[in-house]
Structure formats: structure tokens, C-alpha cells
N, C-alpha and C. Protein backbone atom coordinates (compact mmCIF):
# COMPACT_ATOMS: atom_id res chain seq x y z
N MET A 1 60.41 82.55 64.44
CA MET A 1 59.50 83.17 63.48
C MET A 1 59.18 82.67 62.01
N LYS A 2 60.24 82.62 61.23
CA LYS A 2 59.85 81.97 59.90
C LYS A 2 59.18 80.16 59.89
N GLN A 3 59.88 80.00 61.22
CA GLN A 3 59.01 78.59 61.40
C GLN A 3 57.25 78.50 61.80
N GLN A 4 57.06 79.15 61.85
CA GLN A 4 55.34 79.83 62.26
C GLN A 4 54.89 80.14 61.22
N GLN A 5 55.68 80.70 60.20
CA GLN A 5 55.00 81.02 59.20
C GLN A 5 54.94 79.99 58.02
N TRP A 6 56.04 79.62 57.64
CA TRP A 6 55.94 78.09 56.52
C TRP A 6 54.89 77.19 57.18
N MET A 7 54.59 76.65 58.49
CA MET A 7 53.71 75.91 59.19
C MET A 7 52.04 76.24 58.81
N SER A 8 51.89 77.77 59.03
CA SER A 8 51.02 78.40 58.87
C SER A 8 50.24 78.24 57.01
N LEU A 9 51.45 78.52 56.80
CA LEU A 9 51.27 78.73 55.34
C LEU A 9 50.98 77.18 54.61
N LEU A 10 51.62 76.50 55.19
CA LEU A 10 51.60 74.67 54.65
C LEU A 10 49.76 74.28 54.98
N GLY A 11 49.06 75.17 56.48
CA GLY A 11 48.19 74.74 56.76
C GLY A 11 46.98 75.20 55.83
N LEU A 12 47.09 76.68 55.39
CA LEU A 12 46.54 77.59 54.71
C LEU A 12 46.42 76.54 53.27
N ALA A 13 47.35 76.22 52.65
CA ALA A 13 47.54 75.24 51.68
C ALA A 13 46.83 73.72 51.66
N ASN A 14 46.99 73.13 52.95
CA ASN A 14 45.92 71.81 53.13
C ASN A 14 44.68 72.27 53.10
N ARG A 15 43.94 73.26 53.85
CA ARG A 15 42.92 73.68 53.62
C ARG A 15 42.24 74.18 52.44
N ALA A 16 42.92 74.56 51.60
CA ALA A 16 43.08 75.17 49.84
C ALA A 16 42.75 73.58 49.08
N ARG A 17 43.06 72.44 49.71
CA ARG A 17 43.06 71.13 48.85
C ARG A 17 44.21 71.28 47.65
N LYS A 18 45.08 71.79 48.51
CA LYS A 18 46.59 71.95 47.73
C LYS A 18 47.65 71.13 48.13
N LEU A 19 47.52 70.39 48.67
CA LEU A 19 48.54 69.21 49.24
C LEU A 19 48.14 68.03 49.60
N ILE A 20 49.22 66.69 49.09
CA ILE A 20 48.91 65.63 49.17
C ILE A 20 49.62 65.10 50.05
N SER A 21 49.64 64.54 50.92
CA SER A 21 50.65 63.58 51.85
C SER A 21 50.68 62.39 52.18
N GLY A 22 52.20 61.80 52.59
CA GLY A 22 51.98 60.62 52.34
C GLY A 22 52.95 60.01 51.35
N GLU A 23 53.74 59.15 51.91
CA GLU A 23 54.76 58.86 50.79
C GLU A 23 54.53 58.61 49.41
N GLU A 24 53.36 57.35 49.46
CA GLU A 24 53.43 56.79 48.03
C GLU A 24 52.47 57.77 47.11
N LEU A 25 51.47 58.33 47.87
CA LEU A 25 50.59 59.72 46.98
C LEU A 25 51.48 60.47 46.77
N VAL A 26 52.91 60.96 47.39
CA VAL A 26 53.42 62.07 46.97
C VAL A 26 54.41 61.66 45.59
N ILE A 27 55.02 60.17 45.73
CA ILE A 27 55.44 59.61 44.55
C ILE A 27 54.62 59.94 43.34
N LYS A 28 53.42 59.55 43.50
CA LYS A 28 52.39 59.21 42.94
C LYS A 28 52.21 60.74 42.07
N GLU A 29 52.29 61.74 42.65
CA GLU A 29 51.77 62.88 41.80
C GLU A 29 53.54 63.52 41.12
N VAL A 30 54.63 63.50 41.93
CA VAL A 30 55.60 63.98 41.44
C VAL A 30 55.67 62.94 39.85
N ARG A 31 55.42 62.06 39.97
CA ARG A 31 55.23 61.27 38.35
C ARG A 31 54.53 61.68 37.59
N SER A 32 53.23 62.56 38.34
CA SER A 32 52.07 62.78 37.06
C SER A 32 52.77 64.37 36.99
N GLY A 33 53.65 64.77 37.44
CA GLY A 33 53.95 66.40 36.94
C GLY A 33 53.12 67.25 37.80
N LYS A 34 52.02 67.10 38.71
CA LYS A 34 51.13 68.08 39.66
C LYS A 34 52.23 68.59 40.52
N ALA A 35 52.84 67.81 41.26
CA ALA A 35 53.95 68.04 42.32
C ALA A 35 54.36 69.27 41.79
N LYS A 36 54.72 70.16 42.66
CA LYS A 36 55.77 71.82 42.43
C LYS A 36 56.50 71.92 43.24
N LEU A 37 56.32 71.40 44.64
CA LEU A 37 57.51 71.22 45.64
C LEU A 37 56.99 70.28 46.61
N VAL A 38 57.89 69.43 46.90
CA VAL A 38 58.26 68.26 47.98
C VAL A 38 58.32 68.43 49.33
N LEU A 39 58.08 68.59 50.35
CA LEU A 39 58.63 68.56 51.74
C LEU A 39 58.88 67.35 52.46
N LEU A 40 60.22 67.28 52.67
CA LEU A 40 60.77 65.76 53.33
C LEU A 40 61.16 66.14 54.99
N ALA A 41 60.31 65.18 55.70
CA ALA A 41 60.93 65.39 56.94
C ALA A 41 62.24 64.96 57.28
N SER A 42 63.43 65.55 57.81
CA SER A 42 64.56 64.91 58.02
C SER A 42 64.77 64.01 59.00
N ASP A 43 63.88 63.43 59.78
CA ASP A 43 63.89 62.05 60.42
C ASP A 43 63.20 60.94 59.91
N ALA A 44 62.98 61.08 58.13
CA ALA A 44 62.48 60.27 57.49
C ALA A 44 63.77 58.67 57.10
N SER A 45 63.00 57.77 57.02
CA SER A 45 64.00 56.47 57.02
C SER A 45 64.94 56.78 55.75
N ALA A 46 66.08 56.33 55.58
CA ALA A 46 67.12 56.76 54.86
C ALA A 46 66.53 55.53 52.93
N ASN A 47 65.93 55.02 53.27
CA ASN A 47 65.38 54.21 52.15
C ASN A 47 64.32 55.26 51.66
N THR A 48 63.12 55.79 52.48
CA THR A 48 62.06 56.77 52.32
C THR A 48 62.73 57.97 51.71
N GLU A 49 63.81 58.36 52.03
CA GLU A 49 64.46 59.87 51.41
C GLU A 49 65.06 59.46 50.41
N LYS A 50 65.63 58.51 50.11
CA LYS A 50 66.51 58.09 48.63
C LYS A 50 65.14 58.24 47.73
N LYS A 51 64.27 57.08 47.99
CA LYS A 51 63.27 57.11 46.93
C LYS A 51 62.45 58.71 46.70
N ILE A 52 62.15 59.41 47.55
CA ILE A 52 61.46 60.62 47.25
C ILE A 52 62.84 61.62 46.38
N SER A 53 63.80 61.41 47.30
CA SER A 53 64.77 62.68 46.79
C SER A 53 65.12 62.17 45.24
N ASP A 54 65.20 60.66 44.73
CA ASP A 54 65.78 60.12 43.47
C ASP A 54 64.15 60.32 42.73
N LYS A 55 62.99 60.41 43.00
CA LYS A 55 62.07 60.73 41.87
C LYS A 55 61.88 62.03 41.88
N CYS A 56 62.45 62.98 42.80
CA CYS A 56 62.18 64.50 42.51
C CYS A 56 63.29 64.87 41.85
N SER A 57 64.67 64.59 41.62
CA SER A 57 65.53 64.99 40.99
C SER A 57 65.15 64.60 39.36
N PHE A 58 64.81 63.46 39.18
CA PHE A 58 64.58 62.82 37.86
C PHE A 58 63.32 63.49 37.13
N TYR A 59 62.41 64.02 38.16
CA TYR A 59 61.14 64.64 37.36
C TYR A 59 61.38 66.44 37.46
N LYS A 60 62.38 66.58 38.02
CA LYS A 60 63.19 68.16 38.57
C LYS A 60 61.92 69.02 39.26
N VAL A 61 61.53 68.08 40.28
CA VAL A 61 60.51 68.85 41.49
C VAL A 61 61.68 69.42 42.30
N PRO A 62 61.48 70.61 42.78
CA PRO A 62 62.51 71.09 44.09
C PRO A 62 61.99 70.27 45.23
N ILE A 63 62.84 69.79 46.35
CA ILE A 63 62.33 69.24 47.35
C ILE A 63 63.35 70.11 48.55
N LYS A 64 62.68 70.21 49.58
CA LYS A 64 62.92 71.27 50.62
C LYS A 64 63.07 70.04 52.10
N ARG A 65 63.74 70.55 52.92
CA ARG A 65 63.83 69.14 54.34
C ARG A 65 63.20 70.33 55.39
N VAL A 66 62.58 69.35 56.04
CA VAL A 66 62.01 70.14 57.34
C VAL A 66 62.25 69.41 58.61
N GLU A 67 62.25 69.92 59.62
CA GLU A 67 62.81 69.75 61.05
C GLU A 67 62.68 68.13 61.74
N ASN A 68 61.32 67.78 61.36
CA ASN A 68 60.78 66.30 61.65
C ASN A 68 59.45 65.95 61.27
N ARG A 69 58.87 65.05 61.32
CA ARG A 69 57.88 64.44 60.74
C ARG A 69 56.51 64.91 61.60
N SER A 70 56.83 65.16 63.06
CA SER A 70 55.27 65.41 64.03
C SER A 70 55.23 66.72 63.63
N MET A 71 56.16 67.46 63.30
CA MET A 71 56.05 69.00 63.18
C MET A 71 55.32 69.41 61.43
N LEU A 72 55.87 68.40 60.56
CA LEU A 72 55.09 68.09 59.19
C LEU A 72 53.79 67.94 59.09
N GLY A 73 53.40 66.95 60.18
CA GLY A 73 51.78 66.54 60.63
C GLY A 73 50.81 67.88 61.21
N GLN A 74 51.87 68.49 62.15
CA GLN A 74 51.40 69.11 62.72
C GLN A 74 50.71 70.52 62.27
N ALA A 75 51.47 70.94 60.95
CA ALA A 75 51.28 72.05 60.25
C ALA A 75 50.16 71.85 59.41
N ILE A 76 49.89 70.39 59.19
CA ILE A 76 48.59 70.37 58.31
C ILE A 76 47.54 69.68 59.14
N GLY A 77 47.81 69.69 59.94
CA GLY A 77 46.59 69.24 61.17
C GLY A 77 46.17 67.75 61.41
N LYS A 78 47.30 67.17 61.11
CA LYS A 78 47.22 65.54 61.02
C LYS A 78 48.18 65.04 61.75
N GLU A 79 48.19 63.41 61.94
CA GLU A 79 49.41 63.23 62.77
C GLU A 79 50.68 62.92 62.12
N ALA A 80 51.38 62.40 62.45
CA ALA A 80 53.13 62.65 61.96
C ALA A 80 53.10 62.43 60.05
N ARG A 81 53.46 62.98 59.42
CA ARG A 81 53.69 63.06 57.93
C ARG A 81 55.21 62.91 57.97
N VAL A 82 55.33 62.27 57.01
CA VAL A 82 56.98 61.94 56.17
C VAL A 82 57.32 63.14 55.17
N ALA A 83 55.93 62.66 54.43
CA ALA A 83 56.24 63.50 53.13
C ALA A 83 54.95 64.60 52.72
N VAL A 84 55.08 65.55 52.34
CA VAL A 84 53.85 66.64 51.75
C VAL A 84 54.67 66.91 50.39
N ALA A 85 53.36 66.92 49.49
CA ALA A 85 53.89 67.75 48.05
C ALA A 85 52.69 68.68 47.84
N VAL A 86 53.43 69.97 47.49
CA VAL A 86 52.52 71.17 47.20
C VAL A 86 52.27 71.22 45.79
N LEU A 87 50.82 71.37 45.27
CA LEU A 87 50.26 70.95 44.17
C LEU A 87 50.17 72.63 43.37
N ASP A 88 50.12 73.67 44.32
CA ASP A 88 49.94 74.80 43.85
C ASP A 88 51.36 75.58 43.81
N GLU A 89 51.40 76.25 42.37
CA GLU A 89 52.79 77.17 42.18
C GLU A 89 52.89 78.31 43.14
N GLY A 90 51.80 78.83 43.32
CA GLY A 90 51.85 79.78 43.91
C GLY A 90 52.29 80.00 45.91
N PHE A 91 51.77 78.59 46.25
CA PHE A 91 51.97 78.58 47.28
C PHE A 91 53.43 77.59 47.71
N ALA A 92 53.93 76.81 46.66
CA ALA A 92 55.20 76.17 46.35
C ALA A 92 56.48 77.55 46.36
N ARG A 93 55.78 78.79 45.93
CA ARG A 93 56.78 79.66 45.56
C ARG A 93 57.18 79.95 46.99
N LYS A 94 56.13 80.45 47.52
CA LYS A 94 56.02 81.23 49.02
C LYS A 94 57.31 80.31 50.17
N LEU A 95 56.37 78.84 50.07
CA LEU A 95 56.92 78.19 50.87
C LEU A 95 58.54 78.09 50.77
N GLN A 96 58.89 78.01 49.16
CA GLN A 96 60.45 78.13 49.08
C GLN A 96 61.39 78.96 49.78
N THR A 97 60.46 80.27 49.56
CA THR A 97 61.41 81.42 49.89
C THR A 97 61.12 81.58 51.60
N LEU A 98 60.09 80.73 52.18
CA LEU A 98 60.28 80.68 53.43
C LEU A 98 61.21 79.49 54.53
N LEU A 99 61.45 78.76 53.26
CA LEU A 99 62.15 77.41 54.20
C LEU A 99 63.76 77.48 53.72
N ASP A 100 63.94 78.82 52.47
CA ASP A 100 65.38 78.98 52.55
C ASP A 100 66.21 79.44 53.40
């Protein structure tokens, strides 16, 4: 049930234009300070995972892992996505509670 909840909340955030997806765009948003939460697929490559987690820890952005890239993409109505940045504080807080 929790899985369904976070996926639909992520879809809602996407429709509200409060999400950025894609590795390079996520890193850009983390650097600019706009990203409030980063979701990373567990099946991301080691290089991608290190790059994103290092940026998030340096800029103190919380990071959460989700099962796989196809699930992350499906939640926002696109093809497989490795990383998604949530730009809204409210969506970020709620997603963190659902993913804990």
C-alpha cells in the first residue's frame, strides 16, 4: 500500500511541475539549492549513484532509494528514470515519511 501512495504522490508532484528528472538535471538542481529531496533508483550504476549521493551529501539534500528505475519512471508517467529531484518542501516531507 505504501508503494502505491508514494508513487501517486510523486505523480501528483510531477503534474504540479515540482519535479525534475534525469541525472544531470537533478545534479544541477541540487547545486542550485532548489532540490529538497532526491529519489534514486536502487538499480542505478555505481558511478551515477556515487555522483548523486556525493552531491547530495555535500549540499545536505536528503536522498531516498526506491526499488528500480522503471518504477520511478512509471510513477511520473515517463520511461525509466534513475534520479528524480523534488523541488517542493511539502511534497519532499510527505515523500520522506512514506519512504521511511
